[in-house]
Amino acid sequence: MFLKLLALAIIGISLAADPLYETSGFHCKSKLSMRLDRRLHGEPRDAPPPFDVQVLDEEGHQTEYYEPGKIYTSNTF
């Protein structure tokens, strides 16, 4: 009887604590990717972004392409 209660308590605690642990590997999965996990963040929305990003090159001109070795500045509005 005692072993049954102990086993039941261990199973109950492990099931209750399961959502508290991050075991999906989300951080490793997104380390090299900008794609968001749809399971965690939901489906993409068809709406304008809440901000605008502007990327400027070394001379202060807006650019849309990156070149290796150059320094860029970004502004978020």
Protein backbone atom coordinates (compact mmCIF):
# COMPACT_ATOMS: atom_id res chain seq x y z
CA MET A 1 0.00 0.00 0.00
CA PHE A 2 2.80 2.38 0.93
CA LEU A 3 4.62 1.69 -2.35
CA LYS A 4 1.46 2.42 -4.35
CA LEU A 5 1.01 5.77 -2.59
CA LEU A 6 4.68 6.61 -3.07
CA ALA A 7 4.53 5.75 -6.77
CA LEU A 8 1.33 7.75 -7.18
CA ALA A 9 2.89 10.76 -5.42
CA ILE A 10 6.02 10.61 -7.60
CA ILE A 11 3.97 10.39 -10.80
CA GLY A 12 1.69 13.23 -9.66
CA ILE A 13 4.62 15.50 -8.81
CA SER A 14 6.39 14.77 -12.10
CA LEU A 15 3.23 15.51 -14.10
CA ALA A 16 2.53 18.71 -12.17
CA ALA A 17 6.11 20.00 -12.54
CA ASP A 18 6.41 19.05 -16.21
CA PRO A 19 5.15 22.40 -17.63
CA LEU A 20 7.71 24.28 -15.53
CA TYR A 21 10.68 22.82 -17.40
CA GLU A 22 11.75 23.95 -20.88
CA THR A 23 12.66 20.72 -22.63
CA SER A 24 11.56 21.45 -26.18
CA GLY A 25 14.98 22.75 -27.28
CA PHE A 26 13.41 26.05 -28.38
CA HIS A 27 16.53 28.11 -27.72
CA CYS A 28 18.79 25.72 -29.60
CA LYS A 29 16.31 25.53 -32.46
CA SER A 30 16.12 29.31 -32.90
CA LYS A 31 19.80 30.09 -32.28
CA LEU A 32 20.69 30.20 -35.99
CA SER A 33 17.26 31.06 -37.35
CA MET A 34 15.03 34.14 -37.24
CA ARG A 35 11.91 31.99 -37.75
CA LEU A 36 9.65 31.84 -34.73
CA ASP A 37 8.24 28.56 -33.50
CA ARG A 38 4.55 28.68 -34.45
CA ARG A 39 3.66 26.37 -31.58
CA LEU A 40 4.89 29.01 -29.11
CA HIS A 41 4.12 32.25 -30.98
CA GLY A 42 1.07 31.39 -33.08
CA GLU A 43 0.45 31.83 -36.77
CA PRO A 44 1.85 34.84 -38.67
CA ARG A 45 -0.42 37.88 -38.67
CA ASP A 46 -1.41 39.86 -41.72
CA ALA A 47 -1.02 43.32 -40.19
CA PRO A 48 1.46 46.16 -40.47
CA PRO A 49 4.40 45.86 -38.07
CA PRO A 50 4.24 47.97 -34.90
CA PHE A 51 7.58 49.58 -35.76
CA ASP A 52 9.76 50.56 -38.72
CA VAL A 53 13.45 49.71 -39.01
CA GLN A 54 15.83 51.90 -41.00
CA VAL A 55 19.38 50.71 -41.78
CA LEU A 56 22.03 53.31 -42.62
CA ASP A 57 25.50 52.72 -44.06
CA GLU A 58 28.74 54.41 -42.89
CA GLU A 59 27.88 57.58 -44.83
CA GLY A 60 24.36 57.84 -43.40
CA HIS A 61 22.52 56.69 -46.53
CA GLN A 62 19.66 54.24 -46.23
CA THR A 63 20.54 50.80 -47.57
CA GLU A 64 18.69 47.57 -48.20
CA TYR A 65 21.70 45.25 -48.66
CA TYR A 66 24.50 44.32 -46.28
CA GLU A 67 28.13 43.97 -47.34
CA PRO A 68 30.71 42.12 -45.25
CA GLY A 69 33.17 44.32 -43.38
CA LYS A 70 31.05 47.49 -43.38
CA ILE A 71 29.55 49.19 -40.33
CA TYR A 72 25.81 49.85 -40.28
CA THR A 73 23.51 51.80 -37.99
CA SER A 74 19.90 50.82 -37.40
CA ASN A 75 17.08 53.05 -36.21
CA THR A 76 13.78 51.74 -34.90
CA PHE A 77 10.75 54.01 -35.09
